[in-house]
Amino acid sequence: MRREGLALVISAPSGTGKSTLVARLRNEFPDFGFSVSCTTRKPRENEVDGRDYVFLSREEFERLRTLNHFAEWAEVHGNFYGTPLAPVERMLRGGQDVIFDIDVQGAGQIKLTLPKSIFVFILPPSLEELERRLRKRGQDDEASIKRRLVNARREMTGSEWYNALVVNDNLDDAYDALRAVYLTGTLAPFRNPDLVERILGGHPWRN
């Protein structure tokens, strides 16, 4: 019997390096399903509709929300973000692991709708370093940077319920920790309910 898929939920303050870590994990494990979120914000340079996000108008997002289209949704920095539920459920039922790259509000909702998920919070080594990274990337004005730092403090304060905390001081070390959390999660007995029975019955465990 195919094992149950794992939902890996990764959150972090803006500028912590979450997207880089997620991309690296997907590169090493190309069979990962990826939860493409919907958003009402404008696309950034090099972002592709349907690959990075599904870009929607605010009106369309609100219409879909009333139809219970989203597994989770949140308003972040004045924009809506949401994860369609049906594609995620199909992937998990089929034994495919799925990455959620979402904020703390969305992760809290996923904890209710998909309680077997593994939750990882990526931390910056310090708020000073986080501010330096935000300024270096050059995507935000001064008001946005200050708002993101305030939000970062709030999100970090509320991260104690996550399954794992990973500090991204050194990218390689942070990735090794994230990778370990993921692989450990796939080995949980409840995700492989027939494994022992199959082995005892003489059936190859990979089938």
Foldseek 3Di string as FASTA:
>chain_A
DAFFAAEAEEAEQPLQCVVVLVVVVCVVVVLAAEFAKEKQDDDDPPDDQPPNHPHDHPVVVVVCVVVVQFLFWDQDPNMIIGTGDVVVVVCRVVNHYYYHYDYPRRVVSCCVSPVLHAYEYEYEPDLVVSLVSVVVVPPDDPVVSVVSSVVNVVRVVPPPPGPYYAYPPDVVRSSVVVVVSVVVSCPDCNRVVCQVVCVVVVHDNVD
